[in-house]
PDB file of all heavy atoms in Angstrom:
ATOM      1  N   GLY A   1       7.286 -14.386  -3.346  1.00  0.00           N
ATOM      2  CA  GLY A   1       6.702 -13.806  -2.215  1.00  0.00           C
ATOM      3  C   GLY A   1       7.300 -12.397  -1.889  1.00  0.00           C
ATOM      4  O   GLY A   1       8.234 -11.997  -2.548  1.00  0.00           O
ATOM      5  N   LEU A   2       6.714 -11.817  -0.865  1.00  0.00           N
ATOM      6  CA  LEU A   2       7.178 -10.431  -0.497  1.00  0.00           C
ATOM      7  C   LEU A   2       8.095 -10.488   0.717  1.00  0.00           C
ATOM      8  O   LEU A   2       7.918 -11.359   1.561  1.00  0.00           O
ATOM      9  CB  LEU A   2       5.965  -9.599  -0.185  1.00  0.00           C
ATOM     10  CG  LEU A   2       4.921  -9.450  -1.338  1.00  0.00           C
ATOM     11  CD1 LEU A   2       3.769  -8.526  -0.876  1.00  0.00           C
ATOM     12  CD2 LEU A   2       5.489  -8.978  -2.611  1.00  0.00           C
ATOM     13  N   SER A   3       8.872  -9.415   0.824  1.00  0.00           N
ATOM     14  CA  SER A   3       9.737  -9.243   2.073  1.00  0.00           C
ATOM     15  C   SER A   3       8.861  -8.839   3.188  1.00  0.00           C
ATOM     16  O   SER A   3       7.693  -8.557   3.039  1.00  0.00           O
ATOM     17  CB  SER A   3      10.796  -8.163   1.784  1.00  0.00           C
ATOM     18  OG  SER A   3      10.097  -6.951   1.606  1.00  0.00           O
ATOM     19  N   ASP A   4       9.411  -8.868   4.395  1.00  0.00           N
ATOM     20  CA  ASP A   4       8.597  -8.613   5.520  1.00  0.00           C
ATOM     21  C   ASP A   4       8.037  -7.131   5.566  1.00  0.00           C
ATOM     22  O   ASP A   4       6.830  -6.949   5.894  1.00  0.00           O
ATOM     23  CB  ASP A   4       9.491  -8.722   6.834  1.00  0.00           C
ATOM     24  CG  ASP A   4       9.943 -10.135   7.055  1.00  0.00           C
ATOM     25  OD1 ASP A   4       9.446 -10.957   6.362  1.00  0.00           O
ATOM     26  OD2 ASP A   4      10.785 -10.363   7.970  1.00  0.00           O
ATOM     27  N   THR A   5       8.777  -6.165   5.129  1.00  0.00           N
ATOM     28  CA  THR A   5       8.333  -4.825   5.051  1.00  0.00           C
ATOM     29  C   THR A   5       7.234  -4.658   3.952  1.00  0.00           C
ATOM     30  O   THR A   5       6.346  -3.785   4.130  1.00  0.00           O
ATOM     31  CB  THR A   5       9.511  -3.867   4.830  1.00  0.00           C
ATOM     32  OG1 THR A   5      10.133  -4.158   3.689  1.00  0.00           O
ATOM     33  CG2 THR A   5      10.395  -3.802   5.894  1.00  0.00           C
ATOM     34  N   GLN A   6       7.358  -5.437   2.897  1.00  0.00           N
ATOM     35  CA  GLN A   6       6.319  -5.336   1.849  1.00  0.00           C
ATOM     36  C   GLN A   6       5.024  -5.959   2.355  1.00  0.00           C
ATOM     37  O   GLN A   6       3.954  -5.478   2.048  1.00  0.00           O
ATOM     38  CB  GLN A   6       6.926  -5.977   0.621  1.00  0.00           C
ATOM     39  CG  GLN A   6       7.991  -5.155  -0.083  1.00  0.00           C
ATOM     40  CD  GLN A   6       8.781  -6.031  -1.049  1.00  0.00           C
ATOM     41  OE1 GLN A   6       8.371  -7.177  -1.388  1.00  0.00           O
ATOM     42  NE2 GLN A   6       9.788  -5.499  -1.655  1.00  0.00           N
ATOM     43  N   VAL A   7       5.138  -7.099   3.042  1.00  0.00           N
ATOM     44  CA  VAL A   7       3.897  -7.774   3.601  1.00  0.00           C
ATOM     45  C   VAL A   7       3.197  -6.763   4.603  1.00  0.00           C
ATOM     46  O   VAL A   7       1.949  -6.650   4.534  1.00  0.00           O
ATOM     47  CB  VAL A   7       4.287  -9.105   4.299  1.00  0.00           C
ATOM     48  CG1 VAL A   7       2.995  -9.729   4.938  1.00  0.00           C
ATOM     49  CG2 VAL A   7       4.729 -10.050   3.215  1.00  0.00           C
ATOM     50  N   THR A   8       4.077  -6.134   5.385  1.00  0.00           N
ATOM     51  CA  THR A   8       3.437  -5.236   6.377  1.00  0.00           C
ATOM     52  C   THR A   8       2.787  -4.076   5.641  1.00  0.00           C
ATOM     53  O   THR A   8       1.787  -3.551   6.047  1.00  0.00           O
ATOM     54  CB  THR A   8       4.614  -4.639   7.222  1.00  0.00           C
ATOM     55  OG1 THR A   8       5.329  -5.735   7.759  1.00  0.00           O
ATOM     56  CG2 THR A   8       4.107  -3.838   8.467  1.00  0.00           C
ATOM     57  N   ALA A   9       3.383  -3.572   4.500  1.00  0.00           N
ATOM     58  CA  ALA A   9       2.739  -2.506   3.721  1.00  0.00           C
ATOM     59  C   ALA A   9       1.387  -2.955   3.121  1.00  0.00           C
ATOM     60  O   ALA A   9       0.423  -2.223   3.100  1.00  0.00           O
ATOM     61  CB  ALA A   9       3.633  -2.066   2.566  1.00  0.00           C
ATOM     62  N   VAL A  10       1.291  -4.207   2.666  1.00  0.00           N
ATOM     63  CA  VAL A  10       0.066  -4.758   2.113  1.00  0.00           C
ATOM     64  C   VAL A  10      -0.978  -4.845   3.291  1.00  0.00           C
ATOM     65  O   VAL A  10      -2.180  -4.463   3.044  1.00  0.00           O
ATOM     66  CB  VAL A  10       0.264  -6.144   1.519  1.00  0.00           C
ATOM     67  CG1 VAL A  10      -1.112  -6.773   1.127  1.00  0.00           C
ATOM     68  CG2 VAL A  10       1.181  -5.946   0.281  1.00  0.00           C
ATOM     69  N   VAL A  11      -0.590  -5.265   4.438  1.00  0.00           N
ATOM     70  CA  VAL A  11      -1.522  -5.336   5.619  1.00  0.00           C
ATOM     71  C   VAL A  11      -2.025  -3.916   5.967  1.00  0.00           C
ATOM     72  O   VAL A  11      -3.035  -3.649   6.342  1.00  0.00           O
ATOM     73  CB  VAL A  11      -0.838  -6.021   6.786  1.00  0.00           C
ATOM     74  CG1 VAL A  11      -1.765  -5.900   8.060  1.00  0.00           C
ATOM     75  CG2 VAL A  11      -0.577  -7.583   6.399  1.00  0.00           C
ATOM     76  N   ALA A  12      -1.019  -2.977   5.859  1.00  0.00           N
ATOM     77  CA  ALA A  12      -1.456  -1.557   6.123  1.00  0.00           C
ATOM     78  C   ALA A  12      -2.552  -1.043   5.159  1.00  0.00           C
ATOM     79  O   ALA A  12      -3.408  -0.324   5.522  1.00  0.00           O
ATOM     80  CB  ALA A  12      -0.195  -0.639   6.060  1.00  0.00           C
ATOM     81  N   HIS A  13      -2.405  -1.496   3.901  1.00  0.00           N
ATOM     82  CA  HIS A  13      -3.429  -1.237   2.888  1.00  0.00           C
ATOM     83  C   HIS A  13      -4.776  -1.768   3.322  1.00  0.00           C
ATOM     84  O   HIS A  13      -5.792  -1.158   3.243  1.00  0.00           O
ATOM     85  CB  HIS A  13      -2.987  -1.798   1.563  1.00  0.00           C
ATOM     86  CG  HIS A  13      -4.059  -1.736   0.528  1.00  0.00           C
ATOM     87  ND1 HIS A  13      -4.327  -0.683  -0.295  1.00  0.00           N
ATOM     88  CD2 HIS A  13      -4.933  -2.639   0.175  1.00  0.00           C
ATOM     89  CE1 HIS A  13      -5.315  -0.957  -1.197  1.00  0.00           C
ATOM     90  NE2 HIS A  13      -5.760  -2.154  -0.844  1.00  0.00           N
ATOM     91  N   GLU A  14      -4.752  -3.086   3.742  1.00  0.00           N
ATOM     92  CA  GLU A  14      -5.996  -3.680   4.254  1.00  0.00           C
ATOM     93  C   GLU A  14      -6.573  -3.042   5.489  1.00  0.00           C
ATOM     94  O   GLU A  14      -7.836  -2.877   5.568  1.00  0.00           O
ATOM     95  CB  GLU A  14      -5.748  -5.244   4.497  1.00  0.00           C
ATOM     96  CG  GLU A  14      -5.210  -6.029   3.235  1.00  0.00           C
ATOM     97  CD  GLU A  14      -6.213  -5.841   2.071  1.00  0.00           C
ATOM     98  OE1 GLU A  14      -7.394  -5.761   2.260  1.00  0.00           O
ATOM     99  OE2 GLU A  14      -5.658  -5.799   1.028  1.00  0.00           O
ATOM    100  N   LEU A  15      -5.740  -2.586   6.367  1.00  0.00           N
ATOM    101  CA  LEU A  15      -6.236  -1.793   7.512  1.00  0.00           C
ATOM    102  C   LEU A  15      -6.842  -0.464   7.042  1.00  0.00           C
ATOM    103  O   LEU A  15      -7.707   0.037   7.724  1.00  0.00           O
ATOM    104  CB  LEU A  15      -5.060  -1.522   8.440  1.00  0.00           C
ATOM    105  CG  LEU A  15      -4.500  -2.647   9.264  1.00  0.00           C
ATOM    106  CD1 LEU A  15      -3.229  -2.248   9.960  1.00  0.00           C
ATOM    107  CD2 LEU A  15      -5.532  -3.045  10.285  1.00  0.00           C
ATOM    108  N   GLY A  16      -6.363   0.002   5.914  1.00  0.00           N
ATOM    109  CA  GLY A  16      -7.009   1.225   5.349  1.00  0.00           C
ATOM    110  C   GLY A  16      -8.481   1.013   5.014  1.00  0.00           C
ATOM    111  O   GLY A  16      -9.387   1.796   5.264  1.00  0.00           O
ATOM    112  N   HIS A  17      -8.669  -0.236   4.489  1.00  0.00           N
ATOM    113  CA  HIS A  17     -10.247  -0.597   4.197  1.00  0.00           C
ATOM    114  C   HIS A  17     -11.013  -0.569   5.424  1.00  0.00           C
ATOM    115  O   HIS A  17     -12.140  -0.210   5.499  1.00  0.00           O
ATOM    116  CB  HIS A  17     -10.219  -1.964   3.494  1.00  0.00           C
ATOM    117  CG  HIS A  17      -9.806  -1.916   2.117  1.00  0.00           C
ATOM    118  ND1 HIS A  17     -10.249  -1.178   1.135  1.00  0.00           N
ATOM    119  CD2 HIS A  17      -8.741  -2.653   1.398  1.00  0.00           C
ATOM    120  CE1 HIS A  17      -9.649  -1.396  -0.037  1.00  0.00           C
ATOM    121  NE2 HIS A  17      -8.725  -2.326   0.089  1.00  0.00           N
ATOM    122  N   TRP A  18     -10.393  -1.158   6.472  1.00  0.00           N
ATOM    123  CA  TRP A  18     -11.099  -1.206   7.876  1.00  0.00           C
ATOM    124  C   TRP A  18     -11.233   0.132   8.350  1.00  0.00           C
ATOM    125  O   TRP A  18     -12.403   0.528   8.878  1.00  0.00           O
ATOM    126  CB  TRP A  18     -10.384  -2.142   8.774  1.00  0.00           C
ATOM    127  CG  TRP A  18     -10.771  -2.106  10.157  1.00  0.00           C
ATOM    128  CD1 TRP A  18     -11.944  -2.499  10.642  1.00  0.00           C
ATOM    129  CD2 TRP A  18     -10.032  -1.434  11.326  1.00  0.00           C
ATOM    130  NE1 TRP A  18     -12.008  -2.207  12.082  1.00  0.00           N
ATOM    131  CE2 TRP A  18     -10.895  -1.573  12.406  1.00  0.00           C
ATOM    132  CE3 TRP A  18      -8.805  -0.729  11.369  1.00  0.00           C
ATOM    133  CZ2 TRP A  18     -10.497  -1.118  13.700  1.00  0.00           C
ATOM    134  CZ3 TRP A  18      -8.447  -0.269  12.674  1.00  0.00           C
ATOM    135  CH2 TRP A  18      -9.255  -0.452  13.724  1.00  0.00           C
ATOM    136  N   ARG A  19     -10.187   0.913   8.477  1.00  0.00           N
ATOM    137  CA  ARG A  19     -10.398   2.308   9.015  1.00  0.00           C
ATOM    138  C   ARG A  19     -11.353   3.230   8.327  1.00  0.00           C
ATOM    139  O   ARG A  19     -11.984   4.001   8.950  1.00  0.00           O
ATOM    140  CB  ARG A  19      -8.951   2.892   9.089  1.00  0.00           C
ATOM    141  CG  ARG A  19      -8.932   4.333   9.597  1.00  0.00           C
ATOM    142  CD  ARG A  19      -9.370   4.330  11.013  1.00  0.00           C
ATOM    143  NE  ARG A  19      -8.385   3.681  11.952  1.00  0.00           N
ATOM    144  CZ  ARG A  19      -8.566   3.569  13.225  1.00  0.00           C
ATOM    145  NH1 ARG A  19      -9.646   3.979  13.750  1.00  0.00           N
ATOM    146  NH2 ARG A  19      -7.665   2.873  13.957  1.00  0.00           N
ATOM    147  N   HIS A  20     -11.426   3.102   7.012  1.00  0.00           N
ATOM    148  CA  HIS A  20     -12.388   3.928   6.292  1.00  0.00           C
ATOM    149  C   HIS A  20     -13.726   3.347   6.221  1.00  0.00           C
ATOM    150  O   HIS A  20     -14.638   3.953   5.610  1.00  0.00           O
ATOM    151  CB  HIS A  20     -11.850   4.126   4.887  1.00  0.00           C
ATOM    152  CG  HIS A  20     -10.706   5.070   4.824  1.00  0.00           C
ATOM    153  ND1 HIS A  20     -10.867   6.493   4.939  1.00  0.00           N
ATOM    154  CD2 HIS A  20      -9.350   4.890   4.585  1.00  0.00           C
ATOM    155  CE1 HIS A  20      -9.686   7.104   4.728  1.00  0.00           C
ATOM    156  NE2 HIS A  20      -8.731   6.125   4.535  1.00  0.00           N
ATOM    157  N   GLY A  21     -13.934   2.194   6.857  1.00  0.00           N
ATOM    158  CA  GLY A  21     -15.293   1.644   6.900  1.00  0.00           C
ATOM    159  C   GLY A  21     -15.809   1.230   5.542  1.00  0.00           C
ATOM    160  O   GLY A  21     -17.050   1.287   5.232  1.00  0.00           O
ATOM    161  N   HIS A  22     -15.020   0.662   4.619  1.00  0.00           N
ATOM    162  CA  HIS A  22     -15.327   0.244   3.305  1.00  0.00           C
ATOM    163  C   HIS A  22     -16.281  -0.841   3.276  1.00  0.00           C
ATOM    164  O   HIS A  22     -17.190  -0.943   2.438  1.00  0.00           O
ATOM    165  CB  HIS A  22     -14.167  -0.069   2.450  1.00  0.00           C
ATOM    166  CG  HIS A  22     -13.253   1.109   2.178  1.00  0.00           C
ATOM    167  ND1 HIS A  22     -11.928   1.127   1.784  1.00  0.00           N
ATOM    168  CD2 HIS A  22     -13.493   2.533   2.188  1.00  0.00           C
ATOM    169  CE1 HIS A  22     -11.505   2.295   1.525  1.00  0.00           C
ATOM    170  NE2 HIS A  22     -12.389   3.179   1.852  1.00  0.00           N
ATOM    171  N   PHE A  23     -16.141  -1.759   4.248  1.00  0.00           N
ATOM    172  CA  PHE A  23     -17.149  -2.859   4.230  1.00  0.00           C
ATOM    173  C   PHE A  23     -18.584  -2.354   4.508  1.00  0.00           C
ATOM    174  O   PHE A  23     -19.488  -2.864   3.833  1.00  0.00           O
ATOM    175  CB  PHE A  23     -16.668  -3.891   5.435  1.00  0.00           C
ATOM    176  CG  PHE A  23     -17.669  -5.041   5.529  1.00  0.00           C
ATOM    177  CD1 PHE A  23     -17.507  -6.105   4.681  1.00  0.00           C
ATOM    178  CD2 PHE A  23     -18.622  -5.077   6.526  1.00  0.00           C
ATOM    179  CE1 PHE A  23     -18.360  -7.206   4.800  1.00  0.00           C
ATOM    180  CE2 PHE A  23     -19.486  -6.152   6.656  1.00  0.00           C
ATOM    181  CZ  PHE A  23     -19.300  -7.266   5.773  1.00  0.00           C
ATOM    182  N   TYR A  24     -18.688  -1.439   5.451  1.00  0.00           N
ATOM    183  CA  TYR A  24     -20.068  -0.851   5.754  1.00  0.00           C
ATOM    184  C   TYR A  24     -20.614  -0.109   4.611  1.00  0.00           C
ATOM    185  O   TYR A  24     -21.828  -0.238   4.161  1.00  0.00           O
ATOM    186  CB  TYR A  24     -20.030   0.027   7.045  1.00  0.00           C
ATOM    187  CG  TYR A  24     -19.588  -0.744   8.282  1.00  0.00           C
ATOM    188  CD1 TYR A  24     -18.345  -0.619   8.773  1.00  0.00           C
ATOM    189  CD2 TYR A  24     -20.430  -1.665   8.979  1.00  0.00           C
ATOM    190  CE1 TYR A  24     -17.883  -1.237   9.914  1.00  0.00           C
ATOM    191  CE2 TYR A  24     -20.010  -2.324  10.031  1.00  0.00           C
ATOM    192  CZ  TYR A  24     -18.763  -2.115  10.525  1.00  0.00           C
ATOM    193  OH  TYR A  24     -18.369  -2.734  11.713  1.00  0.00           O
ATOM    194  N   LYS A  25     -19.739   0.713   3.980  1.00  0.00           N
ATOM    195  CA  LYS A  25     -20.161   1.447   2.768  1.00  0.00           C
ATOM    196  C   LYS A  25     -20.610   0.601   1.671  1.00  0.00           C
ATOM    197  O   LYS A  25     -21.648   0.895   1.042  1.00  0.00           O
ATOM    198  CB  LYS A  25     -19.054   2.367   2.377  1.00  0.00           C
ATOM    199  CG  LYS A  25     -18.732   3.523   3.441  1.00  0.00           C
ATOM    200  CD  LYS A  25     -17.476   4.308   3.013  1.00  0.00           C
ATOM    201  CE  LYS A  25     -17.145   5.373   4.093  1.00  0.00           C
ATOM    202  NZ  LYS A  25     -15.875   6.065   3.803  1.00  0.00           N
ATOM    203  N   ALA A  26     -19.802  -0.453   1.360  1.00  0.00           N
ATOM    204  CA  ALA A  26     -20.162  -1.282   0.352  1.00  0.00           C
ATOM    205  C   ALA A  26     -21.512  -2.068   0.689  1.00  0.00           C
ATOM    206  O   ALA A  26     -22.329  -2.273  -0.264  1.00  0.00           O
ATOM    207  CB  ALA A  26     -18.977  -2.399   0.098  1.00  0.00           C
ATOM    208  N   LEU A  27     -21.605  -2.449   1.927  1.00  0.00           N
ATOM    209  CA  LEU A  27     -22.839  -3.180   2.296  1.00  0.00           C
ATOM    210  C   LEU A  27     -24.169  -2.293   2.145  1.00  0.00           C
ATOM    211  O   LEU A  27     -25.127  -2.733   1.544  1.00  0.00           O
ATOM    212  CB  LEU A  27     -22.765  -3.601   3.793  1.00  0.00           C
ATOM    213  CG  LEU A  27     -23.880  -4.416   4.367  1.00  0.00           C
ATOM    214  CD1 LEU A  27     -24.009  -5.820   3.532  1.00  0.00           C
ATOM    215  CD2 LEU A  27     -23.641  -4.788   5.807  1.00  0.00           C
ATOM    216  N   VAL A  28     -23.993  -1.050   2.565  1.00  0.00           N
ATOM    217  CA  VAL A  28     -25.187  -0.146   2.493  1.00  0.00           C
ATOM    218  C   VAL A  28     -25.494   0.139   0.968  1.00  0.00           C
ATOM    219  O   VAL A  28     -26.648   0.100   0.554  1.00  0.00           O
ATOM    220  CB  VAL A  28     -24.894   1.193   3.190  1.00  0.00           C
ATOM    221  CG1 VAL A  28     -25.982   2.243   2.844  1.00  0.00           C
ATOM    222  CG2 VAL A  28     -24.818   0.946   4.692  1.00  0.00           C
ATOM    223  N   THR A  29     -24.436   0.405   0.149  1.00  0.00           N
ATOM    224  CA  THR A  29     -24.605   0.578  -1.242  1.00  0.00           C
ATOM    225  C   THR A  29     -25.230  -0.607  -1.974  1.00  0.00           C
ATOM    226  O   THR A  29     -26.164  -0.397  -2.736  1.00  0.00           O
ATOM    227  CB  THR A  29     -23.222   0.936  -1.904  1.00  0.00           C
ATOM    228  OG1 THR A  29     -22.612   2.035  -1.228  1.00  0.00           O
ATOM    229  CG2 THR A  29     -23.440   1.235  -3.397  1.00  0.00           C
ATOM    230  N   PHE A  30     -24.844  -1.824  -1.592  1.00  0.00           N
ATOM    231  CA  PHE A  30     -25.370  -2.995  -2.189  1.00  0.00           C
ATOM    232  C   PHE A  30     -26.868  -3.159  -1.695  1.00  0.00           C
ATOM    233  O   PHE A  30     -27.689  -3.521  -2.587  1.00  0.00           O
ATOM    234  CB  PHE A  30     -24.600  -4.174  -1.674  1.00  0.00           C
ATOM    235  CG  PHE A  30     -25.253  -5.580  -2.114  1.00  0.00           C
ATOM    236  CD1 PHE A  30     -25.209  -5.904  -3.440  1.00  0.00           C
ATOM    237  CD2 PHE A  30     -25.984  -6.273  -1.254  1.00  0.00           C
ATOM    238  CE1 PHE A  30     -25.797  -7.116  -3.861  1.00  0.00           C
ATOM    239  CE2 PHE A  30     -26.534  -7.532  -1.599  1.00  0.00           C
ATOM    240  CZ  PHE A  30     -26.492  -7.903  -2.976  1.00  0.00           C
ATOM    241  N   GLN A  31     -27.183  -2.785  -0.513  1.00  0.00           N
ATOM    242  CA  GLN A  31     -28.567  -2.870  -0.133  1.00  0.00           C
ATOM    243  C   GLN A  31     -29.469  -1.828  -0.824  1.00  0.00           C
ATOM    244  O   GLN A  31     -30.678  -2.136  -1.242  1.00  0.00           O
ATOM    245  CB  GLN A  31     -28.692  -2.686   1.395  1.00  0.00           C
ATOM    246  CG  GLN A  31     -28.185  -3.820   2.179  1.00  0.00           C
ATOM    247  CD  GLN A  31     -28.839  -5.147   1.872  1.00  0.00           C
ATOM    248  OE1 GLN A  31     -30.083  -5.295   1.716  1.00  0.00           O
ATOM    249  NE2 GLN A  31     -28.012  -6.165   1.776  1.00  0.00           N
ATOM    250  N   LEU A  32     -29.007  -0.705  -1.116  1.00  0.00           N
ATOM    251  CA  LEU A  32     -29.709   0.278  -1.862  1.00  0.00           C
ATOM    252  C   LEU A  32     -29.859  -0.177  -3.335  1.00  0.00           C
ATOM    253  O   LEU A  32     -31.042  -0.074  -3.924  1.00  0.00           O
ATOM    254  CB  LEU A  32     -28.973   1.671  -1.831  1.00  0.00           C
ATOM    255  CG  LEU A  32     -28.940   2.375  -0.555  1.00  0.00           C
ATOM    256  CD1 LEU A  32     -28.053   3.616  -0.663  1.00  0.00           C
ATOM    257  CD2 LEU A  32     -30.398   2.721  -0.064  1.00  0.00           C
ATOM    258  N   HIS A  33     -28.786  -0.694  -3.893  1.00  0.00           N
ATOM    259  CA  HIS A  33     -28.895  -1.213  -5.265  1.00  0.00           C
ATOM    260  C   HIS A  33     -29.891  -2.381  -5.311  1.00  0.00           C
ATOM    261  O   HIS A  33     -30.746  -2.462  -6.224  1.00  0.00           O
ATOM    262  CB  HIS A  33     -27.517  -1.721  -5.659  1.00  0.00           C
ATOM    263  CG  HIS A  33     -27.522  -2.783  -6.797  1.00  0.00           C
ATOM    264  ND1 HIS A  33     -28.050  -2.539  -8.009  1.00  0.00           N
ATOM    265  CD2 HIS A  33     -26.977  -3.965  -6.782  1.00  0.00           C
ATOM    266  CE1 HIS A  33     -27.968  -3.579  -8.719  1.00  0.00           C
ATOM    267  NE2 HIS A  33     -27.297  -4.508  -8.057  1.00  0.00           N
ATOM    268  N   LEU A  34     -29.917  -3.334  -4.299  1.00  0.00           N
ATOM    269  CA  LEU A  34     -30.901  -4.430  -4.274  1.00  0.00           C
ATOM    270  C   LEU A  34     -32.244  -3.947  -4.189  1.00  0.00           C
ATOM    271  O   LEU A  34     -33.075  -4.447  -4.906  1.00  0.00           O
ATOM    272  CB  LEU A  34     -30.414  -5.314  -3.120  1.00  0.00           C
ATOM    273  CG  LEU A  34     -31.354  -6.526  -2.957  1.00  0.00           C
ATOM    274  CD1 LEU A  34     -31.156  -7.541  -4.074  1.00  0.00           C
ATOM    275  CD2 LEU A  34     -30.979  -7.304  -1.642  1.00  0.00           C
ATOM    276  N   ALA A  35     -32.538  -2.922  -3.338  1.00  0.00           N
ATOM    277  CA  ALA A  35     -33.889  -2.442  -3.128  1.00  0.00           C
ATOM    278  C   ALA A  35     -34.325  -1.779  -4.435  1.00  0.00           C
ATOM    279  O   ALA A  35     -35.502  -2.022  -4.873  1.00  0.00           O
ATOM    280  CB  ALA A  35     -33.968  -1.387  -1.979  1.00  0.00           C
ATOM    281  N   LEU A  36     -33.467  -0.938  -5.121  1.00  0.00           N
ATOM    282  CA  LEU A  36     -33.958  -0.340  -6.373  1.00  0.00           C
ATOM    283  C   LEU A  36     -34.119  -1.322  -7.483  1.00  0.00           C
ATOM    284  O   LEU A  36     -35.095  -1.286  -8.285  1.00  0.00           O
ATOM    285  CB  LEU A  36     -32.850   0.684  -6.804  1.00  0.00           C
ATOM    286  CG  LEU A  36     -33.191   1.470  -8.033  1.00  0.00           C
ATOM    287  CD1 LEU A  36     -34.397   2.247  -7.888  1.00  0.00           C
ATOM    288  CD2 LEU A  36     -31.939   2.460  -8.294  1.00  0.00           C
ATOM    289  N   THR A  37     -33.369  -2.428  -7.586  1.00  0.00           N
ATOM    290  CA  THR A  37     -33.519  -3.471  -8.439  1.00  0.00           C
ATOM    291  C   THR A  37     -34.794  -4.265  -8.277  1.00  0.00           C
ATOM    292  O   THR A  37     -35.506  -4.447  -9.358  1.00  0.00           O
ATOM    293  CB  THR A  37     -32.389  -4.437  -8.436  1.00  0.00           C
ATOM    294  OG1 THR A  37     -31.045  -3.754  -8.591  1.00  0.00           O
ATOM    295  CG2 THR A  37     -32.454  -5.575  -9.410  1.00  0.00           C
ATOM    296  N   ILE A  38     -35.102  -4.574  -7.123  1.00  0.00           N
ATOM    297  CA  ILE A  38     -36.395  -5.273  -6.843  1.00  0.00           C
ATOM    298  C   ILE A  38     -37.541  -4.381  -7.099  1.00  0.00           C
ATOM    299  O   ILE A  38     -38.575  -4.832  -7.739  1.00  0.00           O
ATOM    300  CB  ILE A  38     -36.455  -5.722  -5.369  1.00  0.00           C
ATOM    301  CG1 ILE A  38     -35.306  -6.810  -5.150  1.00  0.00           C
ATOM    302  CG2 ILE A  38     -37.802  -6.319  -5.012  1.00  0.00           C
ATOM    303  CD1 ILE A  38     -35.462  -8.024  -5.857  1.00  0.00           C
ATOM    304  N   LEU A  39     -37.456  -3.116  -6.862  1.00  0.00           N
ATOM    305  CA  LEU A  39     -38.528  -2.136  -7.164  1.00  0.00           C
ATOM    306  C   LEU A  39     -38.774  -2.043  -8.621  1.00  0.00           C
ATOM    307  O   LEU A  39     -39.910  -2.114  -9.122  1.00  0.00           O
ATOM    308  CB  LEU A  39     -38.224  -0.786  -6.599  1.00  0.00           C
ATOM    309  CG  LEU A  39     -39.248   0.352  -6.897  1.00  0.00           C
ATOM    310  CD1 LEU A  39     -40.630   0.063  -6.269  1.00  0.00           C
ATOM    311  CD2 LEU A  39     -38.692   1.718  -6.357  1.00  0.00           C
ATOM    312  N   LEU A  40     -37.723  -1.904  -9.432  1.00  0.00           N
ATOM    313  CA  LEU A  40     -37.892  -1.793 -10.861  1.00  0.00           C
ATOM    314  C   LEU A  40     -38.445  -3.117 -11.443  1.00  0.00           C
ATOM    315  O   LEU A  40     -39.302  -3.165 -12.352  1.00  0.00           O
ATOM    316  CB  LEU A  40     -36.556  -1.502 -11.553  1.00  0.00           C
ATOM    317  CG  LEU A  40     -35.893  -0.065 -11.271  1.00  0.00           C
ATOM    318  CD1 LEU A  40     -34.615  -0.031 -11.836  1.00  0.00           C
ATOM    319  CD2 LEU A  40     -36.876   0.934 -11.863  1.00  0.00           C
ATOM    320  N   PHE A  41     -37.931  -4.213 -10.876  1.00  0.00           N
ATOM    321  CA  PHE A  41     -38.449  -5.580 -11.257  1.00  0.00           C
ATOM    322  C   PHE A  41     -39.969  -5.717 -11.070  1.00  0.00           C
ATOM    323  O   PHE A  41     -40.688  -6.142 -11.799  1.00  0.00           O
ATOM    324  CB  PHE A  41     -37.691  -6.654 -10.590  1.00  0.00           C
ATOM    325  CG  PHE A  41     -38.252  -8.067 -10.724  1.00  0.00           C
ATOM    326  CD1 PHE A  41     -37.998  -8.721 -11.912  1.00  0.00           C
ATOM    327  CD2 PHE A  41     -39.046  -8.547  -9.805  1.00  0.00           C
ATOM    328  CE1 PHE A  41     -38.523 -10.042 -12.040  1.00  0.00           C
ATOM    329  CE2 PHE A  41     -39.610  -9.909  -9.954  1.00  0.00           C
ATOM    330  CZ  PHE A  41     -39.321 -10.619 -11.153  1.00  0.00           C
ATOM    331  N   ALA A  42     -40.384  -5.148  -9.795  1.00  0.00           N
ATOM    332  CA  ALA A  42     -41.802  -5.263  -9.462  1.00  0.00           C
ATOM    333  C   ALA A  42     -42.640  -4.507 -10.447  1.00  0.00           C
ATOM    334  O   ALA A  42     -43.849  -4.837 -10.621  1.00  0.00           O
ATOM    335  CB  ALA A  42     -42.018  -4.831  -7.991  1.00  0.00           C
ATOM    336  N   LEU A  43     -42.139  -3.378 -10.913  1.00  0.00           N
ATOM    337  CA  LEU A  43     -42.850  -2.520 -11.775  1.00  0.00           C
ATOM    338  C   LEU A  43     -43.065  -3.183 -13.206  1.00  0.00           C
ATOM    339  O   LEU A  43     -44.150  -3.047 -13.764  1.00  0.00           O
ATOM    340  CB  LEU A  43     -42.162  -1.217 -12.012  1.00  0.00           C
ATOM    341  CG  LEU A  43     -42.127  -0.299 -10.689  1.00  0.00           C
ATOM    342  CD1 LEU A  43     -41.357   0.986 -10.993  1.00  0.00           C
ATOM    343  CD2 LEU A  43     -43.566   0.128 -10.326  1.00  0.00           C
TER     344      LEU A  43
END
């Protein structure tokens, strides 16, 4: 396992995902990909 400061550094990395809105960006990208996939499939 990691020391206390190393665990805190890992949590700081995860906070970076939250601060940069990566969850929302990934969600929007996935929805665009899904819409394009269904459109091509329908064709």
